[in-house]
């Protein structure tokens, strides 16, 4: 899994943070302490952690991920990260 997106709502910059989708690497999600949830009405699952984005980014950097870009989309902050394959 070389790419990863994380996001949070601007008003919730202290958490929770969305850290993956249903196809995300379970080992990475376990390391982050993420829980898989499905919102009522959605036909897909997402992983969430209670940590703020800064702590999630710190943990992912320790795993070898690097931020490629960051943007705001409406009231959402989104980071795209990449990890070199070994």
PDB file of N, CA and C in Angstrom:
ATOM      1  N   UNK A   1       0.841  -1.184   0.000  1.00  0.00           N
ATOM      2  CA  UNK A   1       0.000   0.000   0.000  1.00  0.00           C
ATOM      3  C   UNK A   1       0.878   1.235   0.000  1.00  0.00           C
ATOM      4  N   UNK A   2       1.300   1.702  -1.147  1.00  0.00           N
ATOM      5  CA  UNK A   2       2.205   2.841  -1.161  1.00  0.00           C
ATOM      6  C   UNK A   2       1.548   4.199  -0.939  1.00  0.00           C
ATOM      7  N   UNK A   3       0.235   4.345  -1.190  1.00  0.00           N
ATOM      8  CA  UNK A   3      -0.443   5.631  -0.992  1.00  0.00           C
ATOM      9  C   UNK A   3      -1.470   5.532   0.111  1.00  0.00           C
ATOM     10  N   UNK A   4      -1.670   6.662   0.802  1.00  0.00           N
ATOM     11  CA  UNK A   4      -2.668   6.719   1.862  1.00  0.00           C
ATOM     12  C   UNK A   4      -3.229   8.128   1.942  1.00  0.00           C
ATOM     13  N   UNK A   5      -4.527   8.217   2.172  1.00  0.00           N
ATOM     14  CA  UNK A   5      -5.185   9.496   2.431  1.00  0.00           C
ATOM     15  C   UNK A   5      -5.634   9.514   3.872  1.00  0.00           C
ATOM     16  N   UNK A   6      -5.458  10.653   4.539  1.00  0.00           N
ATOM     17  CA  UNK A   6      -6.073  10.865   5.842  1.00  0.00           C
ATOM     18  C   UNK A   6      -6.818  12.183   5.766  1.00  0.00           C
ATOM     19  N   UNK A   7      -7.858  12.314   6.566  1.00  0.00           N
ATOM     20  CA  UNK A   7      -8.645  13.547   6.522  1.00  0.00           C
ATOM     21  C   UNK A   7      -9.315  13.796   7.855  1.00  0.00           C
ATOM     22  N   UNK A   8      -9.742  15.047   8.046  1.00  0.00           N
ATOM     23  CA  UNK A   8     -10.521  15.426   9.216  1.00  0.00           C
ATOM     24  C   UNK A   8     -11.343  16.657   8.857  1.00  0.00           C
ATOM     25  N   UNK A   9     -12.377  16.895   9.619  1.00  0.00           N
ATOM     26  CA  UNK A   9     -13.176  18.100   9.444  1.00  0.00           C
ATOM     27  C   UNK A   9     -12.446  19.270  10.108  1.00  0.00           C
ATOM     28  N   UNK A  10     -12.494  20.451   9.510  1.00  0.00           N
ATOM     29  CA  UNK A  10     -11.791  21.615  10.042  1.00  0.00           C
ATOM     30  C   UNK A  10     -12.199  21.893  11.483  1.00  0.00           C
ATOM     31  N   UNK A  11     -13.461  21.767  11.784  1.00  0.00           N
ATOM     32  CA  UNK A  11     -13.915  22.029  13.148  1.00  0.00           C
ATOM     33  C   UNK A  11     -13.507  20.937  14.127  1.00  0.00           C
ATOM     34  N   UNK A  12     -12.948  19.826  13.611  1.00  0.00           N
ATOM     35  CA  UNK A  12     -12.543  18.702  14.454  1.00  0.00           C
ATOM     36  C   UNK A  12     -11.047  18.432  14.341  1.00  0.00           C
ATOM     37  N   UNK A  13     -10.247  19.482  14.194  1.00  0.00           N
ATOM     38  CA  UNK A  13      -8.816  19.258  13.971  1.00  0.00           C
ATOM     39  C   UNK A  13      -8.120  18.587  15.149  1.00  0.00           C
ATOM     40  N   UNK A  14      -8.824  18.407  16.258  1.00  0.00           N
ATOM     41  CA  UNK A  14      -8.261  17.665  17.382  1.00  0.00           C
ATOM     42  C   UNK A  14      -8.690  16.206  17.350  1.00  0.00           C
ATOM     43  N   UNK A  15      -9.373  15.790  16.305  1.00  0.00           N
ATOM     44  CA  UNK A  15      -9.801  14.412  16.133  1.00  0.00           C
ATOM     45  C   UNK A  15     -11.312  14.322  16.095  1.00  0.00           C
ATOM     46  N   UNK A  16     -11.878  13.261  15.619  1.00  0.00           N
ATOM     47  CA  UNK A  16     -11.211  12.080  15.092  1.00  0.00           C
ATOM     48  C   UNK A  16     -10.629  12.320  13.699  1.00  0.00           C
ATOM     49  N   UNK A  17      -9.796  11.390  13.268  1.00  0.00           N
ATOM     50  CA  UNK A  17      -9.152  11.463  11.960  1.00  0.00           C
ATOM     51  C   UNK A  17      -9.526  10.219  11.159  1.00  0.00           C
ATOM     52  N   UNK A  18      -9.942  10.425   9.916  1.00  0.00           N
ATOM     53  CA  UNK A  18     -10.197   9.309   8.997  1.00  0.00           C
ATOM     54  C   UNK A  18      -8.855   8.869   8.442  1.00  0.00           C
ATOM     55  N   UNK A  19      -8.561   7.579   8.544  1.00  0.00           N
ATOM     56  CA  UNK A  19      -7.224   7.118   8.159  1.00  0.00           C
ATOM     57  C   UNK A  19      -7.196   6.051   7.074  1.00  0.00           C
ATOM     58  N   UNK A  20      -8.337   5.605   6.610  1.00  0.00           N
ATOM     59  CA  UNK A  20      -8.294   4.595   5.565  1.00  0.00           C
ATOM     60  C   UNK A  20      -9.672   4.137   5.144  1.00  0.00           C
ATOM     61  N   UNK A  21      -9.691   3.352   4.084  1.00  0.00           N
ATOM     62  CA  UNK A  21     -10.941   2.779   3.604  1.00  0.00           C
ATOM     63  C   UNK A  21     -10.926   1.273   3.822  1.00  0.00           C
ATOM     64  N   UNK A  22     -11.941   0.596   3.347  1.00  0.00           N
ATOM     65  CA  UNK A  22     -12.072  -0.835   3.599  1.00  0.00           C
ATOM     66  C   UNK A  22     -10.965  -1.672   2.983  1.00  0.00           C
ATOM     67  N   UNK A  23     -10.182  -1.103   2.067  1.00  0.00           N
ATOM     68  CA  UNK A  23      -9.095  -1.829   1.404  1.00  0.00           C
ATOM     69  C   UNK A  23      -7.720  -1.502   1.996  1.00  0.00           C
ATOM     70  N   UNK A  24      -7.686  -0.714   3.063  1.00  0.00           N
ATOM     71  CA  UNK A  24      -6.417  -0.309   3.672  1.00  0.00           C
ATOM     72  C   UNK A  24      -5.704  -1.494   4.315  1.00  0.00           C
ATOM     73  N   UNK A  25      -4.390  -1.383   4.398  1.00  0.00           N
ATOM     74  CA  UNK A  25      -3.550  -2.425   4.989  1.00  0.00           C
ATOM     75  C   UNK A  25      -3.927  -2.622   6.463  1.00  0.00           C
ATOM     76  N   UNK A  26      -4.395  -3.809   6.844  1.00  0.00           N
ATOM     77  CA  UNK A  26      -4.793  -4.052   8.236  1.00  0.00           C
ATOM     78  C   UNK A  26      -3.653  -3.847   9.234  1.00  0.00           C
ATOM     79  N   UNK A  27      -2.415  -4.124   8.833  1.00  0.00           N
ATOM     80  CA  UNK A  27      -1.276  -3.939   9.741  1.00  0.00           C
ATOM     81  C   UNK A  27      -1.079  -2.460  10.068  1.00  0.00           C
ATOM     82  N   UNK A  28      -1.212  -1.599   9.069  1.00  0.00           N
ATOM     83  CA  UNK A  28      -1.078  -0.153   9.291  1.00  0.00           C
ATOM     84  C   UNK A  28      -2.230   0.341  10.160  1.00  0.00           C
ATOM     85  N   UNK A  29      -3.431  -0.122   9.871  1.00  0.00           N
ATOM     86  CA  UNK A  29      -4.598   0.305  10.651  1.00  0.00           C
ATOM     87  C   UNK A  29      -4.471  -0.149  12.108  1.00  0.00           C
ATOM     88  N   UNK A  30      -3.952  -1.347  12.322  1.00  0.00           N
ATOM     89  CA  UNK A  30      -3.733  -1.843  13.680  1.00  0.00           C
ATOM     90  C   UNK A  30      -2.697  -0.986  14.405  1.00  0.00           C
ATOM     91  N   UNK A  31      -1.605  -0.644  13.711  1.00  0.00           N
ATOM     92  CA  UNK A  31      -0.562   0.200  14.300  1.00  0.00           C
ATOM     93  C   UNK A  31      -1.122   1.556  14.732  1.00  0.00           C
ATOM     94  N   UNK A  32      -2.030   2.106  13.919  1.00  0.00           N
ATOM     95  CA  UNK A  32      -2.624   3.405  14.239  1.00  0.00           C
ATOM     96  C   UNK A  32      -3.705   3.303  15.317  1.00  0.00           C
ATOM     97  N   UNK A  33      -4.145   2.080  15.605  1.00  0.00           N
ATOM     98  CA  UNK A  33      -5.224   1.895  16.569  1.00  0.00           C
ATOM     99  C   UNK A  33      -6.576   2.270  15.983  1.00  0.00           C
ATOM    100  N   UNK A  34      -6.719   2.095  14.672  1.00  0.00           N
ATOM    101  CA  UNK A  34      -7.937   2.503  13.965  1.00  0.00           C
ATOM    102  C   UNK A  34      -9.038   1.466  14.110  1.00  0.00           C
ATOM    103  N   UNK A  35     -10.268   1.950  14.103  1.00  0.00           N
ATOM    104  CA  UNK A  35     -11.431   1.069  14.130  1.00  0.00           C
ATOM    105  C   UNK A  35     -12.203   1.237  12.827  1.00  0.00           C
ATOM    106  N   UNK A  36     -12.670   0.122  12.299  1.00  0.00           N
ATOM    107  CA  UNK A  36     -13.405   0.114  11.033  1.00  0.00           C
ATOM    108  C   UNK A  36     -14.881   0.347  11.315  1.00  0.00           C
ATOM    109  N   UNK A  37     -15.479   1.316  10.630  1.00  0.00           N
ATOM    110  CA  UNK A  37     -16.892   1.627  10.835  1.00  0.00           C
ATOM    111  C   UNK A  37     -17.587   1.787   9.488  1.00  0.00           C
ATOM    112  N   UNK A  38     -18.879   1.560   9.503  1.00  0.00           N
ATOM    113  CA  UNK A  38     -19.720   1.805   8.336  1.00  0.00           C
ATOM    114  C   UNK A  38     -20.856   2.717   8.781  1.00  0.00           C
ATOM    115  N   UNK A  39     -20.922   3.901   8.194  1.00  0.00           N
ATOM    116  CA  UNK A  39     -21.973   4.860   8.530  1.00  0.00           C
ATOM    117  C   UNK A  39     -23.300   4.386   7.942  1.00  0.00           C
ATOM    118  N   UNK A  40     -24.377   4.612   8.659  1.00  0.00           N
ATOM    119  CA  UNK A  40     -25.706   4.237   8.203  1.00  0.00           C
ATOM    120  C   UNK A  40     -25.985   4.863   6.840  1.00  0.00           C
ATOM    121  N   UNK A  41     -26.374   4.042   5.896  1.00  0.00           N
ATOM    122  CA  UNK A  41     -26.682   4.525   4.550  1.00  0.00           C
ATOM    123  C   UNK A  41     -25.528   4.409   3.571  1.00  0.00           C
ATOM    124  N   UNK A  42     -24.299   4.198   4.061  1.00  0.00           N
ATOM    125  CA  UNK A  42     -23.144   4.030   3.172  1.00  0.00           C
ATOM    126  C   UNK A  42     -22.951   2.555   2.845  1.00  0.00           C
ATOM    127  N   UNK A  43     -22.462   2.278   1.649  1.00  0.00           N
ATOM    128  CA  UNK A  43     -22.171   0.894   1.272  1.00  0.00           C
ATOM    129  C   UNK A  43     -20.668   0.629   1.278  1.00  0.00           C
ATOM    130  N   UNK A  44     -19.929   1.377   2.086  1.00  0.00           N
ATOM    131  CA  UNK A  44     -18.490   1.210   2.216  1.00  0.00           C
ATOM    132  C   UNK A  44     -18.093   1.464   3.667  1.00  0.00           C
ATOM    133  N   UNK A  45     -16.915   0.985   4.042  1.00  0.00           N
ATOM    134  CA  UNK A  45     -16.393   1.150   5.396  1.00  0.00           C
ATOM    135  C   UNK A  45     -15.219   2.107   5.387  1.00  0.00           C
ATOM    136  N   UNK A  46     -14.954   2.709   6.544  1.00  0.00           N
ATOM    137  CA  UNK A  46     -13.812   3.606   6.732  1.00  0.00           C
ATOM    138  C   UNK A  46     -13.157   3.277   8.065  1.00  0.00           C
ATOM    139  N   UNK A  47     -11.881   3.623   8.174  1.00  0.00           N
ATOM    140  CA  UNK A  47     -11.157   3.493   9.436  1.00  0.00           C
ATOM    141  C   UNK A  47     -11.009   4.872  10.073  1.00  0.00           C
ATOM    142  N   UNK A  48     -11.197   4.934  11.394  1.00  0.00           N
ATOM    143  CA  UNK A  48     -11.103   6.184  12.144  1.00  0.00           C
ATOM    144  C   UNK A  48     -10.246   5.968  13.387  1.00  0.00           C
ATOM    145  N   UNK A  49      -9.558   7.021  13.799  1.00  0.00           N
ATOM    146  CA  UNK A  49      -8.856   7.039  15.085  1.00  0.00           C
ATOM    147  C   UNK A  49      -9.288   8.298  15.825  1.00  0.00           C
ATOM    148  N   UNK A  50      -9.189   8.280  17.138  1.00  0.00           N
ATOM    149  CA  UNK A  50      -9.563   9.458  17.930  1.00  0.00           C
ATOM    150  C   UNK A  50      -8.460  10.502  17.967  1.00  0.00           C
ATOM    151  N   UNK A  51      -7.251  10.143  17.524  1.00  0.00           N
ATOM    152  CA  UNK A  51      -6.112  11.065  17.553  1.00  0.00           C
ATOM    153  C   UNK A  51      -6.290  12.200  16.560  1.00  0.00           C
ATOM    154  N   UNK A  52      -5.683  13.360  16.859  1.00  0.00           N
ATOM    155  CA  UNK A  52      -5.678  14.455  15.883  1.00  0.00           C
ATOM    156  C   UNK A  52      -4.753  14.115  14.710  1.00  0.00           C
ATOM    157  N   UNK A  53      -4.946  14.764  13.573  1.00  0.00           N
ATOM    158  CA  UNK A  53      -4.130  14.474  12.391  1.00  0.00           C
ATOM    159  C   UNK A  53      -2.622  14.572  12.637  1.00  0.00           C
ATOM    160  N   UNK A  54      -2.185  15.531  13.444  1.00  0.00           N
ATOM    161  CA  UNK A  54      -0.749  15.694  13.683  1.00  0.00           C
ATOM    162  C   UNK A  54      -0.134  14.438  14.284  1.00  0.00           C
ATOM    163  N   UNK A  55      -0.823  13.813  15.232  1.00  0.00           N
ATOM    164  CA  UNK A  55      -0.297  12.582  15.835  1.00  0.00           C
ATOM    165  C   UNK A  55      -0.316  11.431  14.840  1.00  0.00           C
ATOM    166  N   UNK A  56      -1.359  11.365  14.008  1.00  0.00           N
ATOM    167  CA  UNK A  56      -1.428  10.326  12.982  1.00  0.00           C
ATOM    168  C   UNK A  56      -0.285  10.499  11.986  1.00  0.00           C
ATOM    169  N   UNK A  57      -0.040  11.735  11.559  1.00  0.00           N
ATOM    170  CA  UNK A  57       1.063  12.000  10.628  1.00  0.00           C
ATOM    171  C   UNK A  57       2.405  11.622  11.244  1.00  0.00           C
ATOM    172  N   UNK A  58       2.597  11.898  12.530  1.00  0.00           N
ATOM    173  CA  UNK A  58       3.837  11.514  13.214  1.00  0.00           C
ATOM    174  C   UNK A  58       4.025   9.996  13.202  1.00  0.00           C
ATOM    175  N   UNK A  59       2.952   9.261  13.507  1.00  0.00           N
ATOM    176  CA  UNK A  59       3.028   7.795  13.524  1.00  0.00           C
ATOM    177  C   UNK A  59       3.336   7.244  12.131  1.00  0.00           C
ATOM    178  N   UNK A  60       2.687   7.811  11.109  1.00  0.00           N
ATOM    179  CA  UNK A  60       2.909   7.322   9.746  1.00  0.00           C
ATOM    180  C   UNK A  60       4.315   7.649   9.254  1.00  0.00           C
ATOM    181  N   UNK A  61       4.870   8.775   9.693  1.00  0.00           N
ATOM    182  CA  UNK A  61       6.250   9.104   9.319  1.00  0.00           C
ATOM    183  C   UNK A  61       7.217   8.063   9.878  1.00  0.00           C
ATOM    184  N   UNK A  62       6.954   7.593  11.090  1.00  0.00           N
ATOM    185  CA  UNK A  62       7.802   6.557  11.690  1.00  0.00           C
ATOM    186  C   UNK A  62       7.744   5.254  10.901  1.00  0.00           C
ATOM    187  N   UNK A  63       6.638   5.054  10.164  1.00  0.00           N
ATOM    188  CA  UNK A  63       6.487   3.853   9.339  1.00  0.00           C
ATOM    189  C   UNK A  63       7.072   4.039   7.944  1.00  0.00           C
ATOM    190  N   UNK A  64       7.574   5.246   7.641  1.00  0.00           N
ATOM    191  CA  UNK A  64       8.175   5.482   6.335  1.00  0.00           C
ATOM    192  C   UNK A  64       7.315   6.258   5.360  1.00  0.00           C
ATOM    193  N   UNK A  65       6.123   6.688   5.776  1.00  0.00           N
ATOM    194  CA  UNK A  65       5.264   7.491   4.902  1.00  0.00           C
ATOM    195  C   UNK A  65       5.734   8.935   4.894  1.00  0.00           C
ATOM    196  N   UNK A  66       5.559   9.600   3.761  1.00  0.00           N
ATOM    197  CA  UNK A  66       5.885  11.014   3.601  1.00  0.00           C
ATOM    198  C   UNK A  66       4.686  11.737   3.004  1.00  0.00           C
ATOM    199  N   UNK A  67       4.427  12.949   3.459  1.00  0.00           N
ATOM    200  CA  UNK A  67       3.327  13.745   2.919  1.00  0.00           C
ATOM    201  C   UNK A  67       3.688  14.213   1.516  1.00  0.00           C
ATOM    202  N   UNK A  68       2.825  13.914   0.547  1.00  0.00           N
ATOM    203  CA  UNK A  68       3.008  14.411  -0.817  1.00  0.00           C
ATOM    204  C   UNK A  68       2.329  15.757  -0.993  1.00  0.00           C
ATOM    205  N   UNK A  69       1.109  15.866  -0.474  1.00  0.00           N
ATOM    206  CA  UNK A  69       0.347  17.102  -0.620  1.00  0.00           C
ATOM    207  C   UNK A  69      -0.725  17.172   0.451  1.00  0.00           C
ATOM    208  N   UNK A  70      -1.216  18.374   0.663  1.00  0.00           N
ATOM    209  CA  UNK A  70      -2.286  18.618   1.627  1.00  0.00           C
ATOM    210  C   UNK A  70      -3.179  19.677   1.028  1.00  0.00           C
ATOM    211  N   UNK A  71      -4.485  19.569   1.256  1.00  0.00           N
ATOM    212  CA  UNK A  71      -5.417  20.559   0.734  1.00  0.00           C
ATOM    213  C   UNK A  71      -6.641  20.641   1.624  1.00  0.00           C
ATOM    214  N   UNK A  72      -7.410  21.676   1.415  1.00  0.00           N
ATOM    215  CA  UNK A  72      -8.704  21.815   2.048  1.00  0.00           C
ATOM    216  C   UNK A  72      -9.775  21.648   0.990  1.00  0.00           C
ATOM    217  N   UNK A  73     -10.787  20.849   1.299  1.00  0.00           N
ATOM    218  CA  UNK A  73     -11.910  20.629   0.389  1.00  0.00           C
ATOM    219  C   UNK A  73     -13.165  20.960   1.177  1.00  0.00           C
ATOM    220  N   UNK A  74     -13.739  22.130   0.943  1.00  0.00           N
ATOM    221  CA  UNK A  74     -14.875  22.557   1.757  1.00  0.00           C
ATOM    222  C   UNK A  74     -14.440  22.694   3.202  1.00  0.00           C
ATOM    223  N   UNK A  75     -15.069  21.944   4.085  1.00  0.00           N
ATOM    224  CA  UNK A  75     -14.730  21.967   5.511  1.00  0.00           C
ATOM    225  C   UNK A  75     -13.852  20.784   5.918  1.00  0.00           C
ATOM    226  N   UNK A  76     -13.201  20.145   4.928  1.00  0.00           N
ATOM    227  CA  UNK A  76     -12.383  18.964   5.179  1.00  0.00           C
ATOM    228  C   UNK A  76     -10.924  19.233   4.833  1.00  0.00           C
ATOM    229  N   UNK A  77     -10.030  18.781   5.695  1.00  0.00           N
ATOM    230  CA  UNK A  77      -8.592  18.815   5.430  1.00  0.00           C
ATOM    231  C   UNK A  77      -8.173  17.425   4.985  1.00  0.00           C
ATOM    232  N   UNK A  78      -7.375  17.340   3.899  1.00  0.00           N
ATOM    233  CA  UNK A  78      -6.969  16.051   3.343  1.00  0.00           C
ATOM    234  C   UNK A  78      -5.465  16.038   3.112  1.00  0.00           C
ATOM    235  N   UNK A  79      -4.814  14.957   3.541  1.00  0.00           N
ATOM    236  CA  UNK A  79      -3.385  14.741   3.303  1.00  0.00           C
ATOM    237  C   UNK A  79      -3.229  13.507   2.446  1.00  0.00           C
ATOM    238  N   UNK A  80      -2.334  13.564   1.468  1.00  0.00           N
ATOM    239  CA  UNK A  80      -1.983  12.392   0.667  1.00  0.00           C
ATOM    240  C   UNK A  80      -0.549  12.029   1.030  1.00  0.00           C
ATOM    241  N   UNK A  81      -0.347  10.783   1.422  1.00  0.00           N
ATOM    242  CA  UNK A  81       0.974  10.295   1.833  1.00  0.00           C
ATOM    243  C   UNK A  81       1.407   9.166   0.925  1.00  0.00           C
ATOM    244  N   UNK A  82       2.718   8.963   0.870  1.00  0.00           N
ATOM    245  CA  UNK A  82       3.284   7.889   0.053  1.00  0.00           C
ATOM    246  C   UNK A  82       4.408   7.217   0.812  1.00  0.00           C
ATOM    247  N   UNK A  83       4.519   5.916   0.612  1.00  0.00           N
ATOM    248  CA  UNK A  83       5.618   5.145   1.204  1.00  0.00           C
ATOM    249  C   UNK A  83       6.309   4.402   0.089  1.00  0.00           C
ATOM    250  N   UNK A  84       7.622   4.547  -0.008  1.00  0.00           N
ATOM    251  CA  UNK A  84       8.391   3.836  -1.025  1.00  0.00           C
ATOM    252  C   UNK A  84       8.274   2.348  -0.803  1.00  0.00           C
ATOM    253  N   UNK A  85       8.074   1.605  -1.887  1.00  0.00           N
ATOM    254  CA  UNK A  85       8.020   0.154  -1.774  1.00  0.00           C
ATOM    255  C   UNK A  85       9.444  -0.392  -1.621  1.00  0.00           C
ATOM    256  N   UNK A  86       9.535  -1.468  -0.886  1.00  0.00           N
ATOM    257  CA  UNK A  86      10.865  -2.026  -0.586  1.00  0.00           C
ATOM    258  C   UNK A  86      11.277  -3.065  -1.572  1.00  0.00           C
TER     259      UNK A  86
END
